[in-house]
Amino acid sequence: MSHSLLLLPLLACLFAVSSLAHESTSGLHPVVLVPAYSCGNLDARLTDKYRPPAAFPWCAARKGKGWFRLWENHTAVELDPKQVPCYAGQLRLVYDHVAGDYRNAPGVQTRVVAFGSVRGFGSDDPAKKNMCMEKLVKTLDGVGYRDGESLFGAPYDLRYAAAAAPGQASRAFSKFTSSLARLVEHASSRNGGKPVILVSHSLGGLNVNEFLNQRPLPWRKKFVNHFVMLSTGVGGGTVVLQFLASAIGSLPPPSDVLSFTNTSRSFASTLGALPSPKAYGHTPLVVTRAKNFSAYDMPEFLAAVGFSGRDVLARYVMRALPVTLNFKAPLVPMTSVTGVGVPTASKLVFWDGDFGAQPQVVYGDGDGTVNVENVLALGTVVGKDPEQPFFRSVIVPNTTHMGIISDDWALKHVVSEILEASRATHHYSNI
């Protein structure tokens, strides 16, 4: 077993950049990319059961007219801003307390676009340029990888969390994991039986880790060569706390589909990203004059920002929290690459208890999104698991959450890690 923690020096990074031009994918392993939250494109169609909100009757204009792009839709929103509440309402999930699972709003059917291809994710918003692995795809293409041949994509529905607690239904995530398993098997078969390198970014890493833990160990050993996890830690983060608090304040910007009338509050993924006691313990994360909220106090925090007691119990306590606490090593060779050295919100102060107001933000270390505590927790959970065959954590100084896949020097180092994983031989003899 080999576990290590590396602080990436500039010299090594420059070497990685200069050497990529000489690399070739000849004989290397196929790669499957799993992007970040919001990067998977979704189509929708409206059935006869769809009823638009009374205030927005024009939202029914597409009823019965086939599939249309629901997410991401920056261009459509720019051209016709009055469509924002339509997209927001059609994206919203409903939690069925009887079935114990999430579903679409009545009359809305959705599908993930181009699963299997790297064309299945991306953004048409100039402000989000290169946040959905576009530059990573181009860089891999530059060293010989080809979409559909040696390079594949696994976009997913951003609204759903990575699984649910044992014994609870998770139809959407189960469908994703079944599709990903078939894609991995296809990619391996397409490349002479070589096992696959899974490369994720941000939330995609939690989906991949859960996927791997659901697959039988013999399957993992046969089909997965390496897991390269980018910009992901264990246990959620404070970013979602500020988002949930701000949602009870002023109206969202006209173009903010996810914030409109609390659309993303309905998502399973939002509650799945709350800070976990596994990473943060009893450290105060939200501070008011009357009470401090730690990761153990998330039910009380959710109630304070407007969630019903029924939703807190069913959606968070019984469903999301057990999954967060059950994060465990994937038992495949793994490399984590994470930025640090960037001010990252670590504590929010709402001294007067007004969660609709702007908080005082106390900053710590991280990549601007993922706190360093998450990275350290990952090293503890995965790196110290005696059954984990290989784990290396690479800490990249002064690199943001998105910079890992958009800054040229960091990006080319990531590709170097992928190529190194393809060349390396990691044994499973200890598991």
Protein backbone atom coordinates (compact mmCIF):
# COMPACT_ATOMS: atom_id res chain seq x y z
CA MET A 1 0.00 0.00 0.00
CA SER A 2 1.25 3.50 -0.83
CA HIS A 3 -0.14 6.69 0.70
CA SER A 4 1.45 10.11 0.36
CA LEU A 5 0.84 13.84 0.58
CA LEU A 6 2.59 16.14 -1.87
CA LEU A 7 2.99 19.90 -1.92
CA LEU A 8 3.42 20.66 -5.60
CA PRO A 9 6.61 22.69 -6.20
CA LEU A 10 6.75 25.11 -9.11
CA LEU A 11 9.70 23.33 -10.70
CA ALA A 12 7.83 20.03 -10.90
CA CYS A 13 4.83 21.82 -12.34
CA LEU A 14 6.92 23.48 -15.05
CA PHE A 15 8.44 20.10 -15.89
CA ALA A 16 4.95 18.61 -16.25
CA VAL A 17 3.93 21.42 -18.62
CA SER A 18 6.99 21.04 -20.81
CA SER A 19 6.76 17.26 -21.00
CA LEU A 20 3.13 16.98 -22.07
CA ALA A 21 3.92 17.79 -25.65
CA HIS A 22 5.93 14.58 -25.84
CA GLU A 23 3.21 12.36 -24.35
CA SER A 24 1.10 10.00 -26.40
CA THR A 25 -2.00 8.03 -25.51
CA SER A 26 -0.66 4.98 -27.32
CA GLY A 27 -1.24 2.08 -24.96
CA LEU A 28 -2.70 4.30 -22.24
CA HIS A 29 -5.94 3.73 -20.41
CA PRO A 30 -9.30 5.25 -21.42
CA VAL A 31 -10.57 8.20 -19.41
CA VAL A 32 -14.11 8.91 -18.21
CA LEU A 33 -14.76 12.50 -17.08
CA VAL A 34 -17.40 13.31 -14.45
CA PRO A 35 -17.94 17.09 -14.24
CA ALA A 36 -18.93 19.48 -11.47
CA TYR A 37 -22.32 20.58 -10.20
CA SER A 38 -24.35 22.50 -12.81
CA CYS A 39 -22.30 21.20 -15.74
CA GLY A 40 -24.59 18.42 -16.93
CA ASN A 41 -27.07 19.64 -19.55
CA LEU A 42 -30.72 18.68 -19.12
CA ASP A 43 -33.57 18.51 -21.63
CA ALA A 44 -37.22 18.61 -20.61
CA ARG A 45 -40.64 18.16 -22.11
CA LEU A 46 -44.02 19.12 -20.71
CA THR A 47 -46.90 16.65 -20.66
CA ASP A 48 -50.64 17.25 -20.36
CA LYS A 49 -50.28 17.07 -16.57
CA TYR A 50 -48.16 20.23 -16.49
CA ARG A 51 -49.83 23.28 -14.98
CA PRO A 52 -47.95 26.60 -15.07
CA PRO A 53 -47.93 28.90 -12.04
CA ALA A 54 -50.91 31.24 -12.10
CA ALA A 55 -48.57 34.24 -12.23
CA PHE A 56 -46.68 32.87 -15.26
CA PRO A 57 -49.22 31.33 -17.69
CA TRP A 58 -46.77 31.60 -20.59
CA CYS A 59 -44.71 28.81 -19.02
CA ALA A 60 -47.09 26.32 -20.65
CA ALA A 61 -46.15 27.45 -24.17
CA ARG A 62 -43.96 24.36 -24.74
CA LYS A 63 -46.53 21.85 -23.50
CA GLY A 64 -46.80 18.96 -25.95
CA LYS A 65 -44.09 20.35 -28.23
CA GLY A 66 -41.30 17.88 -27.49
CA TRP A 67 -37.91 18.22 -25.86
CA PHE A 68 -36.22 21.56 -25.16
CA ARG A 69 -33.08 22.59 -23.27
CA LEU A 70 -33.95 23.17 -19.62
CA TRP A 71 -30.44 23.48 -18.19
CA GLU A 72 -28.11 25.15 -18.89
CA ASN A 73 -29.95 27.93 -20.69
CA HIS A 74 -28.03 31.20 -20.30
CA THR A 75 -28.57 32.22 -23.92
CA ALA A 76 -32.31 31.58 -23.76
CA VAL A 77 -32.61 33.58 -20.54
CA GLU A 78 -30.66 36.47 -22.02
CA LEU A 79 -32.94 36.54 -25.06
CA ASP A 80 -36.18 36.21 -23.08
CA PRO A 81 -35.80 36.98 -19.34
CA LYS A 82 -39.45 36.23 -18.63
CA GLN A 83 -38.60 32.55 -19.10
CA VAL A 84 -36.58 32.53 -15.85
CA PRO A 85 -39.54 31.58 -13.60
CA CYS A 86 -40.53 28.92 -16.14
CA TYR A 87 -37.14 27.24 -16.12
CA ALA A 88 -36.93 27.61 -12.33
CA GLY A 89 -40.28 25.99 -11.73
CA GLN A 90 -39.63 23.20 -14.21
CA LEU A 91 -36.26 22.44 -12.58
CA ARG A 92 -37.72 22.26 -9.09
CA LEU A 93 -37.90 18.86 -7.41
CA VAL A 94 -40.72 17.55 -5.27
CA TYR A 95 -40.01 15.29 -2.31
CA ASP A 96 -42.61 12.55 -2.11
CA HIS A 97 -42.89 11.71 1.59
CA VAL A 98 -44.96 8.61 0.84
CA ALA A 99 -42.50 7.14 -1.68
CA GLY A 100 -39.51 8.50 0.24
CA ASP A 101 -37.85 9.84 -2.92
CA TYR A 102 -37.50 12.92 -5.09
CA ARG A 103 -39.32 13.39 -8.39
CA ASN A 104 -39.86 16.07 -11.01
CA ALA A 105 -42.64 18.61 -10.73
CA PRO A 106 -45.95 17.23 -12.10
CA GLY A 107 -46.03 17.16 -15.88
CA VAL A 108 -42.26 17.67 -16.30
CA GLN A 109 -40.07 14.95 -17.82
CA THR A 110 -36.28 15.37 -17.95
CA ARG A 111 -33.24 13.65 -19.43
CA VAL A 112 -29.48 14.13 -19.26
CA VAL A 113 -28.02 15.21 -22.61
CA ALA A 114 -25.42 13.15 -24.49
CA PHE A 115 -24.41 10.80 -21.70
CA GLY A 116 -21.19 9.03 -22.68
CA SER A 117 -19.75 11.96 -24.60
CA VAL A 118 -17.80 15.00 -23.44
CA ARG A 119 -20.34 16.99 -25.46
CA GLY A 120 -22.82 16.24 -22.68
CA PHE A 121 -21.57 18.97 -20.36
CA GLY A 122 -20.58 22.60 -20.65
CA SER A 123 -21.98 26.09 -20.24
CA ASP A 124 -23.14 28.73 -22.69
CA ASP A 125 -22.58 31.42 -20.06
CA PRO A 126 -19.40 33.44 -20.78
CA ALA A 127 -19.04 34.02 -17.03
CA LYS A 128 -18.67 30.27 -16.55
CA LYS A 129 -16.18 29.70 -19.32
CA ASN A 130 -13.97 26.66 -18.69
CA MET A 131 -15.67 25.65 -15.41
CA CYS A 132 -17.07 22.46 -16.95
CA MET A 133 -13.86 20.75 -18.03
CA GLU A 134 -13.77 22.36 -21.49
CA LYS A 135 -10.05 23.13 -21.21
CA LEU A 136 -9.34 19.73 -19.71
CA VAL A 137 -11.03 18.10 -22.71
CA LYS A 138 -8.93 20.23 -25.09
CA THR A 139 -5.74 19.39 -23.22
CA LEU A 140 -6.48 15.67 -23.28
CA ASP A 141 -7.32 15.96 -26.96
CA GLY A 142 -3.90 17.57 -27.42
CA VAL A 143 -2.15 14.48 -26.08
CA GLY A 144 -4.17 12.11 -28.24
CA TYR A 145 -7.41 11.30 -26.45
CA ARG A 146 -10.53 11.26 -28.65
CA ASP A 147 -14.17 11.63 -27.66
CA GLY A 148 -16.03 8.34 -27.99
CA GLU A 149 -12.85 6.36 -28.52
CA SER A 150 -10.55 6.83 -25.54
CA LEU A 151 -12.32 9.76 -23.84
CA PHE A 152 -15.85 9.63 -22.46
CA GLY A 153 -18.13 11.85 -20.39
CA ALA A 154 -20.60 11.06 -17.62
CA PRO A 155 -22.82 14.11 -17.03
CA TYR A 156 -25.52 13.81 -14.37
CA ASP A 157 -28.61 15.63 -13.12
CA LEU A 158 -27.32 18.37 -10.81
CA ARG A 159 -30.45 18.21 -8.66
CA TYR A 160 -29.84 14.79 -7.14
CA ALA A 161 -27.43 13.81 -4.38
CA ALA A 162 -25.00 10.92 -4.36
CA ALA A 163 -27.36 8.17 -3.22
CA ALA A 164 -29.53 8.11 -0.11
CA ALA A 165 -29.38 6.45 3.27
CA PRO A 166 -29.57 2.63 3.27
CA GLY A 167 -33.12 1.41 2.78
CA GLN A 168 -34.31 4.61 1.09
CA ALA A 169 -35.16 5.00 -2.57
CA SER A 170 -32.86 6.95 -4.89
CA ARG A 171 -34.18 6.22 -8.35
CA ALA A 172 -32.33 9.01 -10.19
CA PHE A 173 -28.92 8.22 -8.69
CA SER A 174 -29.43 4.50 -9.23
CA LYS A 175 -30.11 5.21 -12.90
CA PHE A 176 -26.90 7.29 -13.09
CA THR A 177 -24.75 4.59 -11.47
CA SER A 178 -26.16 1.91 -13.76
CA SER A 179 -25.40 4.07 -16.79
CA LEU A 180 -21.90 4.88 -15.52
CA ALA A 181 -21.15 1.20 -14.94
CA ARG A 182 -22.14 0.37 -18.52
CA LEU A 183 -20.07 3.30 -19.81
CA VAL A 184 -16.98 2.17 -17.88
CA GLU A 185 -17.38 -1.36 -19.23
CA HIS A 186 -17.84 -0.02 -22.78
CA ALA A 187 -14.79 2.26 -22.50
CA SER A 188 -12.69 -0.66 -21.29
CA SER A 189 -13.94 -2.95 -24.05
CA ARG A 190 -13.39 -0.24 -26.67
CA ASN A 191 -9.75 -0.05 -25.56
CA GLY A 192 -8.72 -3.66 -25.53
CA GLY A 193 -9.92 -4.44 -22.01
CA LYS A 194 -7.76 -1.79 -20.32
CA PRO A 195 -9.30 -0.60 -17.05
CA VAL A 196 -10.57 2.98 -16.97
CA ILE A 197 -9.27 6.14 -15.28
CA LEU A 198 -12.17 8.04 -13.69
CA VAL A 199 -11.52 11.80 -13.46
CA SER A 200 -13.96 13.98 -11.52
CA HIS A 201 -14.24 17.62 -10.57
CA SER A 202 -15.94 19.05 -7.46
CA LEU A 203 -19.34 17.44 -6.73
CA GLY A 204 -18.64 14.90 -9.44
CA GLY A 205 -16.08 13.36 -7.09
CA LEU A 206 -18.70 12.55 -4.47
CA ASN A 207 -20.83 10.90 -7.15
CA VAL A 208 -17.89 8.80 -8.36
CA ASN A 209 -16.84 7.80 -4.86
CA GLU A 210 -20.36 6.65 -4.01
CA PHE A 211 -20.61 4.87 -7.37
CA LEU A 212 -17.41 2.94 -6.67
CA ASN A 213 -18.50 1.93 -3.21
CA GLN A 214 -21.71 0.51 -4.65
CA ARG A 215 -19.89 -1.67 -7.18
CA PRO A 216 -18.60 -5.14 -6.17
CA LEU A 217 -14.89 -5.15 -5.39
CA PRO A 218 -14.06 -7.67 -8.18
CA TRP A 219 -15.76 -5.30 -10.65
CA ARG A 220 -13.67 -2.35 -9.40
CA LYS A 221 -10.46 -4.36 -9.70
CA LYS A 222 -11.31 -5.40 -13.26
CA PHE A 223 -12.60 -2.14 -14.72
CA VAL A 224 -11.05 0.77 -12.75
CA ASN A 225 -7.35 1.55 -13.06
CA HIS A 226 -7.36 4.81 -11.08
CA PHE A 227 -9.61 7.52 -9.66
CA VAL A 228 -8.34 11.10 -10.04
CA MET A 229 -10.47 13.39 -7.84
CA LEU A 230 -10.13 17.14 -8.45
CA SER A 231 -11.20 19.90 -6.02
CA THR A 232 -13.18 17.64 -3.71
CA GLY A 233 -13.00 16.96 -0.01
CA VAL A 234 -15.12 15.20 2.57
CA GLY A 235 -18.08 16.71 4.31
CA GLY A 236 -19.68 19.60 2.43
CA GLY A 237 -18.79 23.21 3.17
CA THR A 238 -19.78 26.63 4.41
CA VAL A 239 -20.59 27.95 0.92
CA VAL A 240 -23.98 26.24 0.95
CA LEU A 241 -24.77 27.76 4.36
CA GLN A 242 -24.45 31.29 3.00
CA PHE A 243 -26.52 30.34 -0.02
CA LEU A 244 -29.34 28.89 2.08
CA ALA A 245 -29.33 31.89 4.39
CA SER A 246 -29.37 34.43 1.56
CA ALA A 247 -32.34 32.70 -0.06
CA ILE A 248 -34.66 34.08 2.64
CA GLY A 249 -33.55 37.65 1.95
CA SER A 250 -34.08 39.81 -1.11
CA LEU A 251 -35.37 38.57 -4.45
CA PRO A 252 -32.76 36.86 -6.65
CA PRO A 253 -31.34 38.54 -9.74
CA PRO A 254 -33.67 38.20 -12.77
CA SER A 255 -31.35 35.74 -14.51
CA ASP A 256 -30.63 33.53 -11.47
CA VAL A 257 -32.64 30.41 -12.30
CA LEU A 258 -31.33 28.33 -9.39
CA SER A 259 -32.15 30.95 -6.77
CA PHE A 260 -35.54 31.93 -8.16
CA THR A 261 -38.22 31.20 -5.53
CA ASN A 262 -35.78 28.84 -3.81
CA THR A 263 -35.55 26.39 -6.71
CA SER A 264 -32.29 24.82 -5.57
CA ARG A 265 -33.62 24.48 -2.01
CA SER A 266 -35.74 21.68 -3.42
CA PHE A 267 -32.66 19.78 -4.68
CA ALA A 268 -31.31 16.73 -2.89
CA SER A 269 -27.79 17.87 -3.80
CA THR A 270 -28.14 21.08 -1.77
CA LEU A 271 -28.75 19.26 1.51
CA GLY A 272 -26.11 16.69 0.61
CA ALA A 273 -23.52 19.49 0.51
CA LEU A 274 -24.09 20.70 4.07
CA PRO A 275 -21.06 20.57 6.41
CA SER A 276 -20.58 17.15 7.95
CA PRO A 277 -19.54 16.40 11.53
CA LYS A 278 -17.02 14.03 9.96
CA ALA A 279 -14.98 17.00 8.69
CA TYR A 280 -15.92 19.89 10.98
CA GLY A 281 -16.81 18.36 14.35
CA HIS A 282 -18.13 20.91 16.85
CA THR A 283 -16.41 23.93 15.25
CA PRO A 284 -18.87 26.88 15.07
CA LEU A 285 -19.75 27.54 11.42
CA VAL A 286 -22.62 30.02 11.85
CA VAL A 287 -22.48 32.48 14.73
CA THR A 288 -25.33 34.55 16.15
CA ARG A 289 -25.77 36.37 19.44
CA ALA A 290 -28.19 33.68 20.62
CA LYS A 291 -26.61 30.48 19.24
CA ASN A 292 -23.62 29.03 17.47
CA PHE A 293 -24.33 26.39 14.82
CA SER A 294 -21.80 23.61 14.23
CA ALA A 295 -22.06 20.75 11.75
CA TYR A 296 -23.99 18.89 14.46
CA ASP A 297 -26.59 21.67 14.48
CA MET A 298 -27.61 21.59 10.83
CA PRO A 299 -31.23 20.57 11.61
CA GLU A 300 -31.62 23.69 13.75
CA PHE A 301 -29.94 25.84 11.11
CA LEU A 302 -32.25 24.54 8.38
CA ALA A 303 -35.26 25.32 10.54
CA ALA A 304 -33.89 28.80 11.19
CA VAL A 305 -33.62 29.53 7.45
CA GLY A 306 -37.13 28.37 6.68
CA PHE A 307 -37.22 24.60 6.14
CA SER A 308 -40.20 22.80 7.61
CA GLY A 309 -39.61 20.34 10.41
CA ARG A 310 -41.00 17.56 8.22
CA ASP A 311 -38.50 18.33 5.45
CA VAL A 312 -35.59 18.65 7.88
CA LEU A 313 -36.31 15.21 9.30
CA ALA A 314 -37.09 13.39 6.04
CA ARG A 315 -34.73 15.09 3.61
CA TYR A 316 -31.74 15.85 5.83
CA VAL A 317 -31.68 13.83 9.06
CA MET A 318 -32.98 10.57 7.61
CA ARG A 319 -31.64 10.85 4.05
CA ALA A 320 -28.70 13.21 3.41
CA LEU A 321 -26.78 13.09 6.72
CA PRO A 322 -26.26 9.30 6.85
CA VAL A 323 -24.71 9.39 3.36
CA THR A 324 -22.32 12.16 4.39
CA LEU A 325 -21.29 10.30 7.52
CA ASN A 326 -20.78 7.09 5.54
CA PHE A 327 -18.18 8.54 3.15
CA LYS A 328 -15.46 5.91 2.82
CA ALA A 329 -12.43 4.95 0.75
CA PRO A 330 -13.23 3.73 -2.79
CA LEU A 331 -10.69 0.87 -2.56
CA VAL A 332 -9.26 1.67 -5.99
CA PRO A 333 -5.95 3.49 -6.60
CA MET A 334 -6.73 7.18 -6.04
CA THR A 335 -5.11 10.59 -6.43
CA SER A 336 -6.67 13.75 -5.01
CA VAL A 337 -5.61 17.12 -6.46
CA THR A 338 -6.82 20.18 -4.54
CA GLY A 339 -5.94 23.86 -4.44
CA VAL A 340 -5.11 25.75 -1.25
CA GLY A 341 -3.85 29.20 -0.35
CA VAL A 342 -7.07 30.97 -1.38
CA PRO A 343 -9.29 32.76 1.17
CA THR A 344 -12.26 30.44 1.77
CA ALA A 345 -15.30 31.16 3.92
CA SER A 346 -14.97 29.18 7.14
CA LYS A 347 -17.46 30.93 9.41
CA LEU A 348 -20.52 33.15 8.91
CA VAL A 349 -21.53 35.72 11.53
CA PHE A 350 -25.19 36.84 11.63
CA TRP A 351 -24.85 38.56 14.97
CA ASP A 352 -28.44 39.80 15.13
CA GLY A 353 -29.84 36.50 13.89
CA ASP A 354 -31.10 38.04 10.63
CA PHE A 355 -30.25 35.36 8.08
CA GLY A 356 -31.60 37.50 5.25
CA ALA A 357 -28.84 40.07 5.86
CA GLN A 358 -25.30 39.92 4.55
CA PRO A 359 -23.13 38.04 7.05
CA GLN A 360 -19.68 38.93 8.26
CA VAL A 361 -17.51 36.27 6.67
CA VAL A 362 -14.50 34.84 8.49
CA TYR A 363 -12.04 33.32 6.05
CA GLY A 364 -9.73 30.36 6.38
CA ASP A 365 -7.62 28.36 3.97
CA GLY A 366 -8.85 26.38 0.99
CA ASP A 367 -9.49 26.81 -2.73
CA GLY A 368 -12.21 29.45 -2.41
CA THR A 369 -14.92 26.79 -2.24
CA VAL A 370 -13.53 23.69 -0.51
CA ASN A 371 -12.15 24.31 2.98
CA VAL A 372 -8.80 22.84 3.93
CA GLU A 373 -10.60 20.90 6.66
CA ASN A 374 -12.34 18.89 3.93
CA VAL A 375 -9.02 18.07 2.31
CA LEU A 376 -7.51 16.90 5.60
CA ALA A 377 -10.60 14.81 6.31
CA LEU A 378 -10.24 13.15 2.92
CA GLY A 379 -6.67 12.21 3.75
CA THR A 380 -7.81 10.72 7.05
CA VAL A 381 -10.78 8.76 5.69
CA VAL A 382 -9.10 7.45 2.54
CA GLY A 383 -5.38 7.64 3.26
CA LYS A 384 -5.60 5.83 6.59
CA ASP A 385 -7.93 3.06 5.46
CA PRO A 386 -5.78 -0.10 5.63
CA GLU A 387 -7.67 -1.61 2.68
CA GLN A 388 -7.07 1.36 0.34
CA PRO A 389 -4.44 0.10 -2.17
CA PHE A 390 -2.93 3.49 -3.12
CA PHE A 391 -3.72 7.09 -2.18
CA ARG A 392 -1.88 10.31 -2.91
CA SER A 393 -3.06 13.81 -2.03
CA VAL A 394 -1.52 16.58 -4.15
CA ILE A 395 -1.93 20.08 -2.69
CA VAL A 396 -1.53 22.82 -5.30
CA PRO A 397 -0.61 26.23 -3.81
CA ASN A 398 -2.51 29.41 -4.67
CA THR A 399 -5.02 27.65 -6.91
CA THR A 400 -8.77 28.16 -6.88
CA HIS A 401 -11.55 25.62 -7.13
CA MET A 402 -11.98 26.33 -10.83
CA GLY A 403 -8.29 27.05 -11.39
CA ILE A 404 -7.51 23.35 -11.07
CA ILE A 405 -9.16 22.83 -14.47
CA SER A 406 -8.71 26.26 -16.05
CA ASP A 407 -5.27 27.63 -15.06
CA ASP A 408 -2.85 26.35 -17.68
CA TRP A 409 -0.06 25.33 -15.32
CA ALA A 410 -2.42 23.53 -12.90
CA LEU A 411 -4.39 21.94 -15.71
CA LYS A 412 -1.35 20.50 -17.41
CA HIS A 413 -0.21 19.09 -14.09
CA VAL A 414 -3.62 17.40 -13.76
CA VAL A 415 -3.17 15.84 -17.19
CA SER A 416 0.30 14.73 -16.14
CA GLU A 417 -1.28 12.99 -13.12
CA ILE A 418 -3.75 11.25 -15.45
CA LEU A 419 -0.96 10.07 -17.72
CA GLU A 420 1.11 8.95 -14.75
CA ALA A 421 -1.87 6.98 -13.40
CA SER A 422 -2.17 5.30 -16.78
CA ARG A 423 1.48 4.25 -16.77
CA ALA A 424 1.61 3.17 -13.12
CA THR A 425 0.80 -0.31 -11.89
CA HIS A 426 -0.98 -0.38 -8.55
CA HIS A 427 -1.66 -3.75 -7.00
CA TYR A 428 -4.73 -4.79 -5.06
CA SER A 429 -2.92 -7.54 -3.24
CA ASN A 430 -3.76 -6.11 0.19
CA ILE A 431 -7.54 -6.07 -0.28
